[in-house]
Amino acid sequence: MIDFNKENSFVKLKDKKWLEDQRIAGKIASKSIEFLYDQVLSNTKKNLIQLNEEAEKIITESGGIPTFKGYKGFPAGVCISVNKQIVHGIPTDYELKDGDLVSFDLGVTYNGAIADTAITCIFGSPKIPNHKNLIESCRESLYSGIKAINVGKRLGVIGNAIYKYGKGKGFGVIHDYGGHGLDKDKPHAPPFVPNKQSQDEGIRIQSGLTIAIEPMLTIGSTVTSVLDDKWTVVTPDFGSHFEHSVFIHEDHVEILTHNKTDSIEPKLYFK
């Protein structure tokens, strides 16, 4: 969990140059996450280390830098979490099996601007029907959070929308972890974006704010713990994780990491 008590709490609004670079980072991140999604759909026999290496290659050959590789000692460019691993999984030689839930979480840096994104999918056929519902509900909770954004509102509208949607679908919403701001060469910056919050909490949303929104839902318990590798976060039940990086304009929100699996528009104009 990010401890913003140890961070500079000043939130920096971004300019047009940052946005131009962040759009490029977002396109590379989307290209990489789509590759990983296609590998799962094709029932690839590659292990998690191989998947990470190929995604890193796409990022670097596209002109980006894998943001997470070396970040605070993390050894890979992609966090790959399987089944009860909810986030920050370190790629291993594990080969995906039928029914596995796998989450890919990656960041791309371009000229210091960062785009961060995540997706969960099922390898083969779901072990139980509720796994598909879990994934779809997590994706839709992300969309709910994005749609709640409006200049002048409090940041809490995002977490309020995510939590209401996830709980309404009967799933647990993890709030030990959540979204965050993005800054130059800094993937985790203020403000913290909780997955559970009141609408009247948090900073005022302003044009130029760029954040990553990342709901995490579970089949049951929302208790989390960290494995001995000091990175991989696990829960007692199967979970799902989705994430988009967005840039907030005066009249709309732009999804910088929009990809082909999305059923939401890349630009949402405020009502």
C-alpha atoms as a PDB file:
ATOM      1  CA  MET A   1       0.000   0.000   0.000  1.00  0.00           C
ATOM      2  CA  ILE A   2       1.286   3.469  -0.865  1.00  0.00           C
ATOM      3  CA  ASP A   3       2.082   5.533   2.210  1.00  0.00           C
ATOM      4  CA  PHE A   4       1.511   9.118   1.162  1.00  0.00           C
ATOM      5  CA  ASN A   5       2.498  10.301   4.636  1.00  0.00           C
ATOM      6  CA  LYS A   6       6.044   9.678   3.433  1.00  0.00           C
ATOM      7  CA  GLU A   7       5.471  11.391   0.079  1.00  0.00           C
ATOM      8  CA  ASN A   8       5.259  15.014  -0.945  1.00  0.00           C
ATOM      9  CA  SER A   9       1.503  15.595  -0.743  1.00  0.00           C
ATOM     10  CA  PHE A  10       1.603  18.358  -3.353  1.00  0.00           C
ATOM     11  CA  VAL A  11      -0.473  17.388  -6.415  1.00  0.00           C
ATOM     12  CA  LYS A  12       1.017  18.641  -9.678  1.00  0.00           C
ATOM     13  CA  LEU A  13      -1.295  19.500 -12.571  1.00  0.00           C
ATOM     14  CA  LYS A  14       0.093  18.677 -16.007  1.00  0.00           C
ATOM     15  CA  ASP A  15       0.507  20.719 -19.205  1.00  0.00           C
ATOM     16  CA  LYS A  16       0.069  20.042 -22.929  1.00  0.00           C
ATOM     17  CA  LYS A  17       3.630  18.737 -23.383  1.00  0.00           C
ATOM     18  CA  TRP A  18       3.137  16.184 -20.613  1.00  0.00           C
ATOM     19  CA  LEU A  19      -0.156  15.117 -22.184  1.00  0.00           C
ATOM     20  CA  GLU A  20       1.455  14.615 -25.603  1.00  0.00           C
ATOM     21  CA  ASP A  21       4.102  12.352 -24.077  1.00  0.00           C
ATOM     22  CA  GLN A  22       1.604  10.559 -21.842  1.00  0.00           C
ATOM     23  CA  ARG A  23      -0.587   9.777 -24.852  1.00  0.00           C
ATOM     24  CA  ILE A  24       2.376   8.020 -26.470  1.00  0.00           C
ATOM     25  CA  ALA A  25       3.079   6.128 -23.238  1.00  0.00           C
ATOM     26  CA  GLY A  26      -0.608   5.171 -23.107  1.00  0.00           C
ATOM     27  CA  LYS A  27      -0.606   3.805 -26.655  1.00  0.00           C
ATOM     28  CA  ILE A  28       2.455   1.676 -25.932  1.00  0.00           C
ATOM     29  CA  ALA A  29       0.911   0.413 -22.684  1.00  0.00           C
ATOM     30  CA  SER A  30      -2.316  -0.483 -24.498  1.00  0.00           C
ATOM     31  CA  LYS A  31      -0.399  -2.292 -27.240  1.00  0.00           C
ATOM     32  CA  SER A  32       1.466  -4.326 -24.621  1.00  0.00           C
ATOM     33  CA  ILE A  33      -1.628  -5.221 -22.582  1.00  0.00           C
ATOM     34  CA  GLU A  34      -3.473  -6.246 -25.766  1.00  0.00           C
ATOM     35  CA  PHE A  35      -0.586  -8.567 -26.636  1.00  0.00           C
ATOM     36  CA  LEU A  36      -0.808 -10.250 -23.235  1.00  0.00           C
ATOM     37  CA  TYR A  37      -4.595 -10.526 -23.523  1.00  0.00           C
ATOM     38  CA  ASP A  38      -4.244 -12.188 -26.949  1.00  0.00           C
ATOM     39  CA  GLN A  39      -1.697 -14.637 -25.559  1.00  0.00           C
ATOM     40  CA  VAL A  40      -4.204 -15.757 -22.917  1.00  0.00           C
ATOM     41  CA  LEU A  41      -7.018 -16.037 -25.463  1.00  0.00           C
ATOM     42  CA  SER A  42      -4.833 -18.220 -27.680  1.00  0.00           C
ATOM     43  CA  ASN A  43      -4.018 -20.523 -24.726  1.00  0.00           C
ATOM     44  CA  THR A  44      -0.289 -19.905 -25.051  1.00  0.00           C
ATOM     45  CA  LYS A  45       2.041 -22.422 -23.417  1.00  0.00           C
ATOM     46  CA  LYS A  46       4.557 -19.756 -22.431  1.00  0.00           C
ATOM     47  CA  ASN A  47       5.364 -19.288 -18.763  1.00  0.00           C
ATOM     48  CA  LEU A  48       4.974 -15.996 -16.892  1.00  0.00           C
ATOM     49  CA  ILE A  49       8.638 -15.039 -17.286  1.00  0.00           C
ATOM     50  CA  GLN A  50       8.373 -15.473 -21.058  1.00  0.00           C
ATOM     51  CA  LEU A  51       5.182 -13.402 -21.207  1.00  0.00           C
ATOM     52  CA  ASN A  52       6.864 -10.630 -19.231  1.00  0.00           C
ATOM     53  CA  GLU A  53       9.936 -10.669 -21.466  1.00  0.00           C
ATOM     54  CA  GLU A  54       7.858 -10.403 -24.638  1.00  0.00           C
ATOM     55  CA  ALA A  55       5.782  -7.549 -23.223  1.00  0.00           C
ATOM     56  CA  GLU A  56       8.961  -5.719 -22.154  1.00  0.00           C
ATOM     57  CA  LYS A  57      10.296  -6.147 -25.688  1.00  0.00           C
ATOM     58  CA  ILE A  58       7.168  -4.551 -27.153  1.00  0.00           C
ATOM     59  CA  ILE A  59       7.542  -1.605 -24.785  1.00  0.00           C
ATOM     60  CA  THR A  60      11.223  -0.966 -25.514  1.00  0.00           C
ATOM     61  CA  GLU A  61      10.935  -1.512 -29.280  1.00  0.00           C
ATOM     62  CA  SER A  62       8.059   0.992 -29.318  1.00  0.00           C
ATOM     63  CA  GLY A  63      10.276   3.640 -27.736  1.00  0.00           C
ATOM     64  CA  GLY A  64       9.090   3.319 -24.147  1.00  0.00           C
ATOM     65  CA  ILE A  65      10.621   2.223 -20.866  1.00  0.00           C
ATOM     66  CA  PRO A  66       9.036  -0.484 -18.670  1.00  0.00           C
ATOM     67  CA  THR A  67       8.163   1.733 -15.687  1.00  0.00           C
ATOM     68  CA  PHE A  68       8.023  -0.993 -13.054  1.00  0.00           C
ATOM     69  CA  LYS A  69      11.312  -2.707 -13.901  1.00  0.00           C
ATOM     70  CA  GLY A  70      13.700  -1.752 -11.116  1.00  0.00           C
ATOM     71  CA  TYR A  71      11.110   0.462  -9.417  1.00  0.00           C
ATOM     72  CA  LYS A  72      11.871   0.117  -5.700  1.00  0.00           C
ATOM     73  CA  GLY A  73      13.573  -3.168  -6.605  1.00  0.00           C
ATOM     74  CA  PHE A  74      10.746  -4.804  -8.569  1.00  0.00           C
ATOM     75  CA  PRO A  75      12.445  -7.262 -10.962  1.00  0.00           C
ATOM     76  CA  ALA A  76      10.113  -7.160 -13.988  1.00  0.00           C
ATOM     77  CA  GLY A  77       8.279  -4.831 -16.336  1.00  0.00           C
ATOM     78  CA  VAL A  78       4.917  -6.522 -15.783  1.00  0.00           C
ATOM     79  CA  CYS A  79       3.220  -7.517 -12.547  1.00  0.00           C
ATOM     80  CA  ILE A  80       1.559 -10.875 -13.252  1.00  0.00           C
ATOM     81  CA  SER A  81      -0.837 -12.101 -10.569  1.00  0.00           C
ATOM     82  CA  VAL A  82      -2.632 -15.465 -10.748  1.00  0.00           C
ATOM     83  CA  ASN A  83      -5.835 -16.550  -8.985  1.00  0.00           C
ATOM     84  CA  LYS A  84      -5.636 -15.464  -5.319  1.00  0.00           C
ATOM     85  CA  GLN A  85      -2.744 -13.128  -6.068  1.00  0.00           C
ATOM     86  CA  ILE A  86      -4.530  -9.797  -6.471  1.00  0.00           C
ATOM     87  CA  VAL A  87      -1.686  -7.439  -7.405  1.00  0.00           C
ATOM     88  CA  HIS A  88       2.121  -6.981  -7.656  1.00  0.00           C
ATOM     89  CA  GLY A  89       2.819 -10.602  -8.612  1.00  0.00           C
ATOM     90  CA  ILE A  90       6.402 -11.314  -9.695  1.00  0.00           C
ATOM     91  CA  PRO A  91       6.641 -13.323 -12.964  1.00  0.00           C
ATOM     92  CA  THR A  92       7.832 -16.901 -12.416  1.00  0.00           C
ATOM     93  CA  ASP A  93       8.273 -20.031 -14.543  1.00  0.00           C
ATOM     94  CA  TYR A  94       4.635 -20.952 -13.793  1.00  0.00           C
ATOM     95  CA  GLU A  95       2.686 -21.925 -16.919  1.00  0.00           C
ATOM     96  CA  LEU A  96      -0.982 -20.927 -16.918  1.00  0.00           C
ATOM     97  CA  LYS A  97      -3.531 -23.731 -16.510  1.00  0.00           C
ATOM     98  CA  ASP A  98      -7.127 -24.046 -17.616  1.00  0.00           C
ATOM     99  CA  GLY A  99      -9.394 -21.864 -15.502  1.00  0.00           C
ATOM    100  CA  ASP A 100      -6.646 -19.635 -14.073  1.00  0.00           C
ATOM    101  CA  LEU A 101      -7.493 -15.981 -13.474  1.00  0.00           C
ATOM    102  CA  VAL A 102      -4.500 -13.886 -14.490  1.00  0.00           C
ATOM    103  CA  SER A 103      -3.994 -10.147 -14.037  1.00  0.00           C
ATOM    104  CA  PHE A 104      -1.423  -8.152 -15.998  1.00  0.00           C
ATOM    105  CA  ASP A 105      -0.396  -4.763 -14.605  1.00  0.00           C
ATOM    106  CA  LEU A 106       2.196  -2.660 -16.424  1.00  0.00           C
ATOM    107  CA  GLY A 107       3.458   0.876 -16.771  1.00  0.00           C
ATOM    108  CA  VAL A 108       5.190   2.653 -19.640  1.00  0.00           C
ATOM    109  CA  THR A 109       7.391   5.723 -19.342  1.00  0.00           C
ATOM    110  CA  TYR A 110       7.969   8.036 -22.308  1.00  0.00           C
ATOM    111  CA  ASN A 111      10.019  11.227 -21.821  1.00  0.00           C
ATOM    112  CA  GLY A 112       9.222  10.960 -18.112  1.00  0.00           C
ATOM    113  CA  ALA A 113       5.447  10.767 -18.639  1.00  0.00           C
ATOM    114  CA  ILE A 114       3.818   7.565 -17.370  1.00  0.00           C
ATOM    115  CA  ALA A 115       0.778   5.489 -18.288  1.00  0.00           C
ATOM    116  CA  ASP A 116      -0.279   2.637 -15.994  1.00  0.00           C
ATOM    117  CA  THR A 117      -2.837  -0.036 -16.884  1.00  0.00           C
ATOM    118  CA  ALA A 118      -4.096  -3.469 -15.806  1.00  0.00           C
ATOM    119  CA  ILE A 119      -6.470  -6.152 -17.024  1.00  0.00           C
ATOM    120  CA  THR A 120      -7.711  -9.530 -15.733  1.00  0.00           C
ATOM    121  CA  CYS A 121      -8.689 -12.441 -17.963  1.00  0.00           C
ATOM    122  CA  ILE A 122      -9.352 -16.186 -17.774  1.00  0.00           C
ATOM    123  CA  PHE A 123      -7.037 -18.762 -19.291  1.00  0.00           C
ATOM    124  CA  GLY A 124      -9.288 -21.333 -20.982  1.00  0.00           C
ATOM    125  CA  SER A 125     -12.678 -22.000 -19.382  1.00  0.00           C
ATOM    126  CA  PRO A 126     -13.697 -20.508 -15.998  1.00  0.00           C
ATOM    127  CA  LYS A 127     -13.543 -22.852 -13.021  1.00  0.00           C
ATOM    128  CA  ILE A 128     -16.882 -21.521 -11.829  1.00  0.00           C
ATOM    129  CA  PRO A 129     -19.339 -19.182 -13.639  1.00  0.00           C
ATOM    130  CA  ASN A 130     -18.893 -16.494 -10.985  1.00  0.00           C
ATOM    131  CA  HIS A 131     -15.298 -15.933 -12.108  1.00  0.00           C
ATOM    132  CA  LYS A 132     -16.555 -14.430 -15.364  1.00  0.00           C
ATOM    133  CA  ASN A 133     -19.004 -12.258 -13.424  1.00  0.00           C
ATOM    134  CA  LEU A 134     -16.175 -11.154 -11.130  1.00  0.00           C
ATOM    135  CA  ILE A 135     -14.048  -9.966 -14.049  1.00  0.00           C
ATOM    136  CA  GLU A 136     -16.917  -8.212 -15.816  1.00  0.00           C
ATOM    137  CA  SER A 137     -17.975  -6.483 -12.582  1.00  0.00           C
ATOM    138  CA  CYS A 138     -14.435  -5.300 -11.880  1.00  0.00           C
ATOM    139  CA  ARG A 139     -14.156  -3.839 -15.380  1.00  0.00           C
ATOM    140  CA  GLU A 140     -17.528  -2.119 -15.041  1.00  0.00           C
ATOM    141  CA  SER A 141     -16.601  -0.742 -11.613  1.00  0.00           C
ATOM    142  CA  LEU A 142     -13.604   0.903 -13.281  1.00  0.00           C
ATOM    143  CA  TYR A 143     -15.911   2.457 -15.872  1.00  0.00           C
ATOM    144  CA  SER A 144     -18.237   3.633 -13.090  1.00  0.00           C
ATOM    145  CA  GLY A 145     -15.348   5.376 -11.386  1.00  0.00           C
ATOM    146  CA  ILE A 146     -14.261   7.082 -14.605  1.00  0.00           C
ATOM    147  CA  LYS A 147     -17.796   8.201 -15.447  1.00  0.00           C
ATOM    148  CA  ALA A 148     -18.143   9.797 -11.997  1.00  0.00           C
ATOM    149  CA  ILE A 149     -15.317  12.258 -12.720  1.00  0.00           C
ATOM    150  CA  ASN A 150     -16.208  15.922 -13.221  1.00  0.00           C
ATOM    151  CA  VAL A 151     -14.199  19.101 -12.725  1.00  0.00           C
ATOM    152  CA  GLY A 152     -15.132  20.705  -9.421  1.00  0.00           C
ATOM    153  CA  LYS A 153     -16.278  17.500  -7.740  1.00  0.00           C
ATOM    154  CA  ARG A 154     -14.297  15.826  -4.967  1.00  0.00           C
ATOM    155  CA  LEU A 155     -11.988  12.939  -5.805  1.00  0.00           C
ATOM    156  CA  GLY A 156     -14.136  10.743  -3.543  1.00  0.00           C
ATOM    157  CA  VAL A 157     -16.773  10.403  -6.273  1.00  0.00           C
ATOM    158  CA  ILE A 158     -14.482   7.843  -7.916  1.00  0.00           C
ATOM    159  CA  GLY A 159     -14.153   5.524  -4.921  1.00  0.00           C
ATOM    160  CA  ASN A 160     -17.813   6.009  -4.082  1.00  0.00           C
ATOM    161  CA  ALA A 161     -18.841   4.836  -7.563  1.00  0.00           C
ATOM    162  CA  ILE A 162     -16.407   1.895  -7.569  1.00  0.00           C
ATOM    163  CA  TYR A 163     -17.488   0.656  -4.161  1.00  0.00           C
ATOM    164  CA  LYS A 164     -21.215   0.975  -4.856  1.00  0.00           C
ATOM    165  CA  TYR A 165     -20.924  -0.906  -8.124  1.00  0.00           C
ATOM    166  CA  GLY A 166     -18.737  -3.721  -6.794  1.00  0.00           C
ATOM    167  CA  LYS A 167     -20.792  -4.270  -3.637  1.00  0.00           C
ATOM    168  CA  GLY A 168     -23.985  -4.036  -5.656  1.00  0.00           C
ATOM    169  CA  LYS A 169     -22.802  -6.984  -7.728  1.00  0.00           C
ATOM    170  CA  GLY A 170     -22.102  -9.003  -4.571  1.00  0.00           C
ATOM    171  CA  PHE A 171     -18.304  -8.804  -4.564  1.00  0.00           C
ATOM    172  CA  GLY A 172     -15.801  -7.618  -1.999  1.00  0.00           C
ATOM    173  CA  VAL A 173     -14.021  -4.356  -2.837  1.00  0.00           C
ATOM    174  CA  ILE A 174     -10.400  -4.149  -1.711  1.00  0.00           C
ATOM    175  CA  HIS A 175      -9.569  -0.741  -0.296  1.00  0.00           C
ATOM    176  CA  ASP A 176      -6.149  -1.366   1.261  1.00  0.00           C
ATOM    177  CA  TYR A 177      -4.864  -0.673  -2.260  1.00  0.00           C
ATOM    178  CA  GLY A 178      -6.112   1.748  -4.876  1.00  0.00           C
ATOM    179  CA  GLY A 179      -5.293   4.246  -7.592  1.00  0.00           C
ATOM    180  CA  HIS A 180      -2.802   7.108  -7.547  1.00  0.00           C
ATOM    181  CA  GLY A 181      -1.457  10.177  -9.222  1.00  0.00           C
ATOM    182  CA  LEU A 182       1.229  10.074 -11.902  1.00  0.00           C
ATOM    183  CA  ASP A 183       4.238  12.391 -12.045  1.00  0.00           C
ATOM    184  CA  LYS A 184       7.466  12.738 -14.016  1.00  0.00           C
ATOM    185  CA  ASP A 185       9.352   9.430 -13.698  1.00  0.00           C
ATOM    186  CA  LYS A 186       7.196   8.691 -10.659  1.00  0.00           C
ATOM    187  CA  PRO A 187       4.464   6.058 -11.116  1.00  0.00           C
ATOM    188  CA  HIS A 188       3.010   6.464  -7.615  1.00  0.00           C
ATOM    189  CA  ALA A 189       2.387  10.089  -6.731  1.00  0.00           C
ATOM    190  CA  PRO A 190      -0.298  11.999  -4.807  1.00  0.00           C
ATOM    191  CA  PRO A 191      -3.227  11.893  -4.708  1.00  0.00           C
ATOM    192  CA  PHE A 192      -4.144   8.415  -3.489  1.00  0.00           C
ATOM    193  CA  VAL A 193      -7.381   7.331  -5.225  1.00  0.00           C
ATOM    194  CA  PRO A 194      -9.268   4.993  -2.844  1.00  0.00           C
ATOM    195  CA  ASN A 195     -11.641   2.298  -4.058  1.00  0.00           C
ATOM    196  CA  LYS A 196     -13.968   3.214  -1.195  1.00  0.00           C
ATOM    197  CA  GLN A 197     -14.626   6.821  -0.260  1.00  0.00           C
ATOM    198  CA  SER A 198     -17.431   9.308   0.362  1.00  0.00           C
ATOM    199  CA  GLN A 199     -18.368  11.710  -2.424  1.00  0.00           C
ATOM    200  CA  ASP A 200     -17.440  14.729  -0.313  1.00  0.00           C
ATOM    201  CA  GLU A 201     -13.912  13.497   0.505  1.00  0.00           C
ATOM    202  CA  GLY A 202     -10.640  14.153  -1.283  1.00  0.00           C
ATOM    203  CA  ILE A 203      -9.186  17.015  -3.299  1.00  0.00           C
ATOM    204  CA  ARG A 204     -11.173  19.003  -5.830  1.00  0.00           C
ATOM    205  CA  ILE A 205     -10.875  17.543  -9.322  1.00  0.00           C
ATOM    206  CA  GLN A 206      -9.230  20.053 -11.678  1.00  0.00           C
ATOM    207  CA  SER A 207      -8.244  20.220 -15.326  1.00  0.00           C
ATOM    208  CA  GLY A 208      -4.683  18.950 -15.740  1.00  0.00           C
ATOM    209  CA  LEU A 209      -5.030  16.240 -13.110  1.00  0.00           C
ATOM    210  CA  THR A 210      -3.816  12.840 -14.286  1.00  0.00           C
ATOM    211  CA  ILE A 211      -4.462   9.718 -12.227  1.00  0.00           C
ATOM    212  CA  ALA A 212      -4.537   5.936 -12.441  1.00  0.00           C
ATOM    213  CA  ILE A 213      -7.786   4.350 -11.277  1.00  0.00           C
ATOM    214  CA  GLU A 214      -7.588   0.677 -10.278  1.00  0.00           C
ATOM    215  CA  PRO A 215     -10.441  -1.219  -8.634  1.00  0.00           C
ATOM    216  CA  MET A 216      -9.810  -4.688  -7.198  1.00  0.00           C
ATOM    217  CA  LEU A 217     -12.703  -7.026  -6.460  1.00  0.00           C
ATOM    218  CA  THR A 218     -12.801 -10.440  -4.790  1.00  0.00           C
ATOM    219  CA  ILE A 219     -15.263 -13.309  -4.617  1.00  0.00           C
ATOM    220  CA  GLY A 220     -15.413 -12.951  -0.817  1.00  0.00           C
ATOM    221  CA  SER A 221     -12.934 -11.743   1.793  1.00  0.00           C
ATOM    222  CA  THR A 222     -11.067  -8.471   1.212  1.00  0.00           C
ATOM    223  CA  VAL A 223      -8.292  -9.285   3.706  1.00  0.00           C
ATOM    224  CA  THR A 224      -4.872  -8.922   2.087  1.00  0.00           C
ATOM    225  CA  SER A 225      -1.375 -10.096   2.950  1.00  0.00           C
ATOM    226  CA  VAL A 226       2.030  -9.910   1.277  1.00  0.00           C
ATOM    227  CA  LEU A 227       4.083 -13.002   0.432  1.00  0.00           C
ATOM    228  CA  ASP A 228       7.684 -13.519   1.508  1.00  0.00           C
ATOM    229  CA  ASP A 229       8.893 -11.993  -1.776  1.00  0.00           C
ATOM    230  CA  LYS A 230       7.688  -8.680  -0.243  1.00  0.00           C
ATOM    231  CA  TRP A 231       5.721  -7.823  -3.376  1.00  0.00           C
ATOM    232  CA  THR A 232       2.951 -10.285  -4.209  1.00  0.00           C
ATOM    233  CA  VAL A 233      -0.358  -9.361  -2.533  1.00  0.00           C
ATOM    234  CA  VAL A 234      -2.756 -12.258  -1.934  1.00  0.00           C
ATOM    235  CA  THR A 235      -6.344 -12.636  -0.705  1.00  0.00           C
ATOM    236  CA  PRO A 236      -8.231 -15.670   0.676  1.00  0.00           C
ATOM    237  CA  ASP A 237     -10.440 -15.725  -2.442  1.00  0.00           C
ATOM    238  CA  PHE A 238     -10.075 -15.258  -6.187  1.00  0.00           C
ATOM    239  CA  GLY A 239      -9.787 -11.647  -7.296  1.00  0.00           C
ATOM    240  CA  SER A 240      -9.782  -9.307 -10.284  1.00  0.00           C
ATOM    241  CA  HIS A 241      -7.902  -6.079 -11.026  1.00  0.00           C
ATOM    242  CA  PHE A 242      -8.430  -3.469 -13.749  1.00  0.00           C
ATOM    243  CA  GLU A 243      -6.740  -0.118 -14.271  1.00  0.00           C
ATOM    244  CA  HIS A 244      -6.742   2.854 -16.613  1.00  0.00           C
ATOM    245  CA  SER A 245      -4.720   6.043 -16.611  1.00  0.00           C
ATOM    246  CA  VAL A 246      -6.787   9.143 -17.338  1.00  0.00           C
ATOM    247  CA  PHE A 247      -6.163  12.825 -18.030  1.00  0.00           C
ATOM    248  CA  ILE A 248      -8.827  15.287 -16.950  1.00  0.00           C
ATOM    249  CA  HIS A 249      -9.671  18.159 -19.303  1.00  0.00           C
ATOM    250  CA  GLU A 250     -11.994  21.118 -18.727  1.00  0.00           C
ATOM    251  CA  ASP A 251     -14.960  19.354 -20.331  1.00  0.00           C
ATOM    252  CA  HIS A 252     -14.066  15.654 -20.520  1.00  0.00           C
ATOM    253  CA  VAL A 253     -11.915  12.829 -19.226  1.00  0.00           C
ATOM    254  CA  GLU A 254      -9.501  11.129 -21.624  1.00  0.00           C
ATOM    255  CA  ILE A 255      -8.647   7.444 -21.122  1.00  0.00           C
ATOM    256  CA  LEU A 256      -4.992   7.277 -22.129  1.00  0.00           C
ATOM    257  CA  THR A 257      -4.728   3.481 -21.882  1.00  0.00           C
ATOM    258  CA  HIS A 258      -7.934   2.666 -23.770  1.00  0.00           C
ATOM    259  CA  ASN A 259      -7.600  -0.733 -25.485  1.00  0.00           C
ATOM    260  CA  LYS A 260      -9.548  -3.056 -27.774  1.00  0.00           C
ATOM    261  CA  THR A 261     -11.169  -4.933 -24.881  1.00  0.00           C
ATOM    262  CA  ASP A 262     -12.937  -1.800 -23.646  1.00  0.00           C
ATOM    263  CA  SER A 263     -16.657  -1.151 -24.098  1.00  0.00           C
ATOM    264  CA  ILE A 264     -16.295   2.484 -23.004  1.00  0.00           C
ATOM    265  CA  GLU A 265     -15.425   5.477 -25.179  1.00  0.00           C
ATOM    266  CA  PRO A 266     -11.836   6.809 -24.944  1.00  0.00           C
ATOM    267  CA  LYS A 267     -13.196  10.309 -24.294  1.00  0.00           C
ATOM    268  CA  LEU A 268     -16.118  10.940 -21.931  1.00  0.00           C
ATOM    269  CA  TYR A 269     -17.601  14.415 -21.891  1.00  0.00           C
ATOM    270  CA  PHE A 270     -18.993  15.671 -18.587  1.00  0.00           C
ATOM    271  CA  LYS A 271     -22.727  15.871 -18.205  1.00  0.00           C
END
